[in-house]
């Protein structure tokens, strides 16, 4: 499987788990959360988030 496809599948599985966890923790039915992750695979890239020294206070 290509890297982009693997990342997309990883994000899809993680988001499905997150929806279930959010439903469990909030008591809000999962149907109220978007079915498709609103983020791109870019969030899985380690360089996506700023480094510690780049964070805004």
PDB file of N, CA and C in Angstrom:
ATOM      1  N   UNK A   1       0.846  -1.181   0.000  1.00  0.00           N
ATOM      2  CA  UNK A   1       0.000   0.000   0.000  1.00  0.00           C
ATOM      3  C   UNK A   1       0.890   1.243   0.000  1.00  0.00           C
ATOM      4  N   UNK A   2       0.541   2.203  -0.802  1.00  0.00           N
ATOM      5  CA  UNK A   2       1.335   3.425  -0.869  1.00  0.00           C
ATOM      6  C   UNK A   2       1.217   4.233   0.415  1.00  0.00           C
ATOM      7  N   UNK A   3       2.187   5.050   0.656  1.00  0.00           N
ATOM      8  CA  UNK A   3       2.225   5.831   1.892  1.00  0.00           C
ATOM      9  C   UNK A   3       0.988   6.720   2.052  1.00  0.00           C
ATOM     10  N   UNK A   4       0.590   7.403   0.997  1.00  0.00           N
ATOM     11  CA  UNK A   4      -0.579   8.281   1.080  1.00  0.00           C
ATOM     12  C   UNK A   4      -1.835   7.484   1.401  1.00  0.00           C
ATOM     13  N   UNK A   5      -1.977   6.320   0.780  1.00  0.00           N
ATOM     14  CA  UNK A   5      -3.143   5.480   1.056  1.00  0.00           C
ATOM     15  C   UNK A   5      -3.108   4.966   2.494  1.00  0.00           C
ATOM     16  N   UNK A   6      -1.926   4.573   2.941  1.00  0.00           N
ATOM     17  CA  UNK A   6      -1.785   4.082   4.319  1.00  0.00           C
ATOM     18  C   UNK A   6      -2.136   5.187   5.312  1.00  0.00           C
ATOM     19  N   UNK A   7      -1.680   6.398   5.036  1.00  0.00           N
ATOM     20  CA  UNK A   7      -1.987   7.527   5.917  1.00  0.00           C
ATOM     21  C   UNK A   7      -3.482   7.806   5.943  1.00  0.00           C
ATOM     22  N   UNK A   8      -4.114   7.746   4.780  1.00  0.00           N
ATOM     23  CA  UNK A   8      -5.556   7.997   4.698  1.00  0.00           C
ATOM     24  C   UNK A   8      -6.325   6.946   5.501  1.00  0.00           C
ATOM     25  N   UNK A   9      -5.924   5.691   5.397  1.00  0.00           N
ATOM     26  CA  UNK A   9      -6.591   4.619   6.138  1.00  0.00           C
ATOM     27  C   UNK A   9      -6.357   4.765   7.638  1.00  0.00           C
ATOM     28  N   UNK A  10      -5.140   5.150   8.019  1.00  0.00           N
ATOM     29  CA  UNK A  10      -4.822   5.345   9.433  1.00  0.00           C
ATOM     30  C   UNK A  10      -5.683   6.469  10.018  1.00  0.00           C
ATOM     31  N   UNK A  11      -5.802   7.554   9.271  1.00  0.00           N
ATOM     32  CA  UNK A  11      -6.604   8.680   9.731  1.00  0.00           C
ATOM     33  C   UNK A  11      -8.076   8.284   9.828  1.00  0.00           C
ATOM     34  N   UNK A  12      -8.573   7.544   8.851  1.00  0.00           N
ATOM     35  CA  UNK A  12      -9.971   7.111   8.865  1.00  0.00           C
ATOM     36  C   UNK A  12     -10.259   6.247  10.090  1.00  0.00           C
ATOM     37  N   UNK A  13      -9.381   5.278  10.370  1.00  0.00           N
ATOM     38  CA  UNK A  13      -9.580   4.406  11.531  1.00  0.00           C
ATOM     39  C   UNK A  13      -9.508   5.200  12.839  1.00  0.00           C
ATOM     40  N   UNK A  14      -8.538   6.092  12.931  1.00  0.00           N
ATOM     41  CA  UNK A  14      -8.385   6.900  14.144  1.00  0.00           C
ATOM     42  C   UNK A  14      -9.606   7.792  14.358  1.00  0.00           C
ATOM     43  N   UNK A  15     -10.120   8.357  13.272  1.00  0.00           N
ATOM     44  CA  UNK A  15     -11.276   9.236  13.398  1.00  0.00           C
ATOM     45  C   UNK A  15     -12.519   8.453  13.807  1.00  0.00           C
ATOM     46  N   UNK A  16     -12.690   7.252  13.266  1.00  0.00           N
ATOM     47  CA  UNK A  16     -13.831   6.421  13.654  1.00  0.00           C
ATOM     48  C   UNK A  16     -13.780   6.107  15.148  1.00  0.00           C
ATOM     49  N   UNK A  17     -12.587   5.790  15.649  1.00  0.00           N
ATOM     50  CA  UNK A  17     -12.419   5.530  17.079  1.00  0.00           C
ATOM     51  C   UNK A  17     -12.706   6.789  17.893  1.00  0.00           C
ATOM     52  N   UNK A  18     -12.262   7.923  17.390  1.00  0.00           N
ATOM     53  CA  UNK A  18     -12.469   9.192  18.094  1.00  0.00           C
ATOM     54  C   UNK A  18     -13.956   9.535  18.189  1.00  0.00           C
ATOM     55  N   UNK A  19     -14.698   9.269  17.131  1.00  0.00           N
ATOM     56  CA  UNK A  19     -16.150   9.514  17.161  1.00  0.00           C
ATOM     57  C   UNK A  19     -16.812   8.662  18.243  1.00  0.00           C
ATOM     58  N   UNK A  20     -16.425   7.395  18.317  1.00  0.00           N
ATOM     59  CA  UNK A  20     -17.002   6.505  19.323  1.00  0.00           C
ATOM     60  C   UNK A  20     -16.629   6.955  20.741  1.00  0.00           C
ATOM     61  N   UNK A  21     -15.377   7.378  20.900  1.00  0.00           N
ATOM     62  CA  UNK A  21     -14.927   7.843  22.208  1.00  0.00           C
ATOM     63  C   UNK A  21     -15.658   9.131  22.596  1.00  0.00           C
ATOM     64  N   UNK A  22     -15.822  10.025  21.632  1.00  0.00           N
ATOM     65  CA  UNK A  22     -16.537  11.275  21.905  1.00  0.00           C
ATOM     66  C   UNK A  22     -17.980  10.984  22.297  1.00  0.00           C
ATOM     67  N   UNK A  23     -18.598  10.031  21.621  1.00  0.00           N
ATOM     68  CA  UNK A  23     -19.965   9.645  21.960  1.00  0.00           C
ATOM     69  C   UNK A  23     -20.021   9.105  23.387  1.00  0.00           C
ATOM     70  N   UNK A  24     -19.086   8.251  23.721  1.00  0.00           N
ATOM     71  CA  UNK A  24     -19.041   7.646  25.054  1.00  0.00           C
ATOM     72  C   UNK A  24     -18.801   8.694  26.140  1.00  0.00           C
ATOM     73  N   UNK A  25     -17.863   9.598  25.890  1.00  0.00           N
ATOM     74  CA  UNK A  25     -17.492  10.587  26.907  1.00  0.00           C
ATOM     75  C   UNK A  25     -18.511  11.700  27.077  1.00  0.00           C
ATOM     76  N   UNK A  26     -19.204  12.061  25.984  1.00  0.00           N
ATOM     77  CA  UNK A  26     -20.121  13.201  26.062  1.00  0.00           C
ATOM     78  C   UNK A  26     -21.580  12.801  26.189  1.00  0.00           C
ATOM     79  N   UNK A  27     -21.897  11.559  25.793  1.00  0.00           N
ATOM     80  CA  UNK A  27     -23.293  11.143  25.779  1.00  0.00           C
ATOM     81  C   UNK A  27     -24.036  11.648  24.558  1.00  0.00           C
ATOM     82  N   UNK A  28     -23.326  12.320  23.662  1.00  0.00           N
ATOM     83  CA  UNK A  28     -23.927  12.827  22.422  1.00  0.00           C
ATOM     84  C   UNK A  28     -23.811  11.724  21.374  1.00  0.00           C
ATOM     85  N   UNK A  29     -24.919  11.392  20.726  1.00  0.00           N
ATOM     86  CA  UNK A  29     -24.920  10.340  19.715  1.00  0.00           C
ATOM     87  C   UNK A  29     -23.916  10.668  18.606  1.00  0.00           C
ATOM     88  N   UNK A  30     -23.182   9.648  18.176  1.00  0.00           N
ATOM     89  CA  UNK A  30     -22.135   9.856  17.173  1.00  0.00           C
ATOM     90  C   UNK A  30     -22.671  10.405  15.859  1.00  0.00           C
ATOM     91  N   UNK A  31     -23.968  10.256  15.613  1.00  0.00           N
ATOM     92  CA  UNK A  31     -24.538  10.785  14.370  1.00  0.00           C
ATOM     93  C   UNK A  31     -24.447  12.311  14.309  1.00  0.00           C
ATOM     94  N   UNK A  32     -24.204  12.945  15.450  1.00  0.00           N
ATOM     95  CA  UNK A  32     -24.075  14.406  15.488  1.00  0.00           C
ATOM     96  C   UNK A  32     -22.657  14.876  15.171  1.00  0.00           C
ATOM     97  N   UNK A  33     -21.722  13.937  15.089  1.00  0.00           N
ATOM     98  CA  UNK A  33     -20.347  14.268  14.724  1.00  0.00           C
ATOM     99  C   UNK A  33     -20.170  13.972  13.234  1.00  0.00           C
ATOM    100  N   UNK A  34     -19.362  14.744  12.526  1.00  0.00           N
ATOM    101  CA  UNK A  34     -19.164  14.485  11.094  1.00  0.00           C
ATOM    102  C   UNK A  34     -18.732  13.036  10.851  1.00  0.00           C
ATOM    103  N   UNK A  35     -19.313  12.412   9.816  1.00  0.00           N
ATOM    104  CA  UNK A  35     -18.957  11.028   9.482  1.00  0.00           C
ATOM    105  C   UNK A  35     -17.564  10.951   8.878  1.00  0.00           C
ATOM    106  N   UNK A  36     -17.192  11.986   8.163  1.00  0.00           N
ATOM    107  CA  UNK A  36     -15.878  12.025   7.514  1.00  0.00           C
ATOM    108  C   UNK A  36     -14.993  13.008   8.262  1.00  0.00           C
ATOM    109  N   UNK A  37     -13.775  12.594   8.535  1.00  0.00           N
ATOM    110  CA  UNK A  37     -12.827  13.448   9.262  1.00  0.00           C
ATOM    111  C   UNK A  37     -12.657  14.786   8.537  1.00  0.00           C
ATOM    112  N   UNK A  38     -12.810  15.898   9.246  1.00  0.00           N
ATOM    113  CA  UNK A  38     -12.686  17.205   8.613  1.00  0.00           C
ATOM    114  C   UNK A  38     -11.233  17.638   8.386  1.00  0.00           C
ATOM    115  N   UNK A  39     -10.277  16.797   8.743  1.00  0.00           N
ATOM    116  CA  UNK A  39      -8.861  17.126   8.592  1.00  0.00           C
ATOM    117  C   UNK A  39      -8.230  16.274   7.503  1.00  0.00           C
ATOM    118  N   UNK A  40      -7.156  16.761   6.934  1.00  0.00           N
ATOM    119  CA  UNK A  40      -6.436  15.994   5.914  1.00  0.00           C
ATOM    120  C   UNK A  40      -5.363  15.143   6.580  1.00  0.00           C
ATOM    121  N   UNK A  41      -4.751  14.263   5.801  1.00  0.00           N
ATOM    122  CA  UNK A  41      -3.694  13.398   6.325  1.00  0.00           C
ATOM    123  C   UNK A  41      -2.479  14.204   6.791  1.00  0.00           C
ATOM    124  N   UNK A  42      -2.422  15.470   6.443  1.00  0.00           N
ATOM    125  CA  UNK A  42      -1.296  16.323   6.844  1.00  0.00           C
ATOM    126  C   UNK A  42      -1.110  16.353   8.354  1.00  0.00           C
ATOM    127  N   UNK A  43      -2.189  16.171   9.104  1.00  0.00           N
ATOM    128  CA  UNK A  43      -2.067  16.223  10.569  1.00  0.00           C
ATOM    129  C   UNK A  43      -1.272  15.049  11.118  1.00  0.00           C
ATOM    130  N   UNK A  44      -1.074  13.992  10.298  1.00  0.00           N
ATOM    131  CA  UNK A  44      -0.279  12.844  10.733  1.00  0.00           C
ATOM    132  C   UNK A  44       1.218  13.082  10.548  1.00  0.00           C
ATOM    133  N   UNK A  45       1.567  14.121   9.812  1.00  0.00           N
ATOM    134  CA  UNK A  45       2.970  14.447   9.565  1.00  0.00           C
ATOM    135  C   UNK A  45       3.574  15.045  10.835  1.00  0.00           C
ATOM    136  N   UNK A  46       4.686  14.489  11.270  1.00  0.00           N
ATOM    137  CA  UNK A  46       5.321  14.979  12.507  1.00  0.00           C
ATOM    138  C   UNK A  46       5.689  16.457  12.425  1.00  0.00           C
ATOM    139  N   UNK A  47       5.901  16.973  11.245  1.00  0.00           N
ATOM    140  CA  UNK A  47       6.243  18.380  11.084  1.00  0.00           C
ATOM    141  C   UNK A  47       5.035  19.291  11.006  1.00  0.00           C
ATOM    142  N   UNK A  48       3.835  18.739  11.108  1.00  0.00           N
ATOM    143  CA  UNK A  48       2.616  19.536  10.990  1.00  0.00           C
ATOM    144  C   UNK A  48       2.464  20.526  12.136  1.00  0.00           C
ATOM    145  N   UNK A  49       2.706  20.068  13.341  1.00  0.00           N
ATOM    146  CA  UNK A  49       2.548  20.935  14.499  1.00  0.00           C
ATOM    147  C   UNK A  49       3.844  21.713  14.742  1.00  0.00           C
ATOM    148  N   UNK A  50       3.727  22.921  15.277  1.00  0.00           N
ATOM    149  CA  UNK A  50       4.934  23.715  15.535  1.00  0.00           C
ATOM    150  C   UNK A  50       5.831  23.062  16.580  1.00  0.00           C
ATOM    151  N   UNK A  51       7.085  23.346  16.479  1.00  0.00           N
ATOM    152  CA  UNK A  51       8.040  22.866  17.469  1.00  0.00           C
ATOM    153  C   UNK A  51       7.788  23.592  18.784  1.00  0.00           C
ATOM    154  N   UNK A  52       8.280  23.028  19.856  1.00  0.00           N
ATOM    155  CA  UNK A  52       8.060  23.594  21.192  1.00  0.00           C
ATOM    156  C   UNK A  52       8.420  25.075  21.261  1.00  0.00           C
ATOM    157  N   UNK A  53       9.546  25.465  20.667  1.00  0.00           N
ATOM    158  CA  UNK A  53       9.992  26.853  20.747  1.00  0.00           C
ATOM    159  C   UNK A  53       9.222  27.777  19.815  1.00  0.00           C
ATOM    160  N   UNK A  54       8.357  27.239  18.933  1.00  0.00           N
ATOM    161  CA  UNK A  54       7.586  28.055  18.008  1.00  0.00           C
ATOM    162  C   UNK A  54       6.170  28.333  18.512  1.00  0.00           C
ATOM    163  N   UNK A  55       5.789  27.732  19.632  1.00  0.00           N
ATOM    164  CA  UNK A  55       4.430  27.906  20.130  1.00  0.00           C
ATOM    165  C   UNK A  55       4.191  29.345  20.579  1.00  0.00           C
ATOM    166  N   UNK A  56       2.988  29.789  20.332  1.00  0.00           N
ATOM    167  CA  UNK A  56       2.593  31.133  20.736  1.00  0.00           C
ATOM    168  C   UNK A  56       2.048  31.056  22.157  1.00  0.00           C
ATOM    169  N   UNK A  57       2.447  31.991  22.998  1.00  0.00           N
ATOM    170  CA  UNK A  57       1.989  31.993  24.395  1.00  0.00           C
ATOM    171  C   UNK A  57       0.607  32.551  24.501  1.00  0.00           C
TER     172      UNK A  57
END
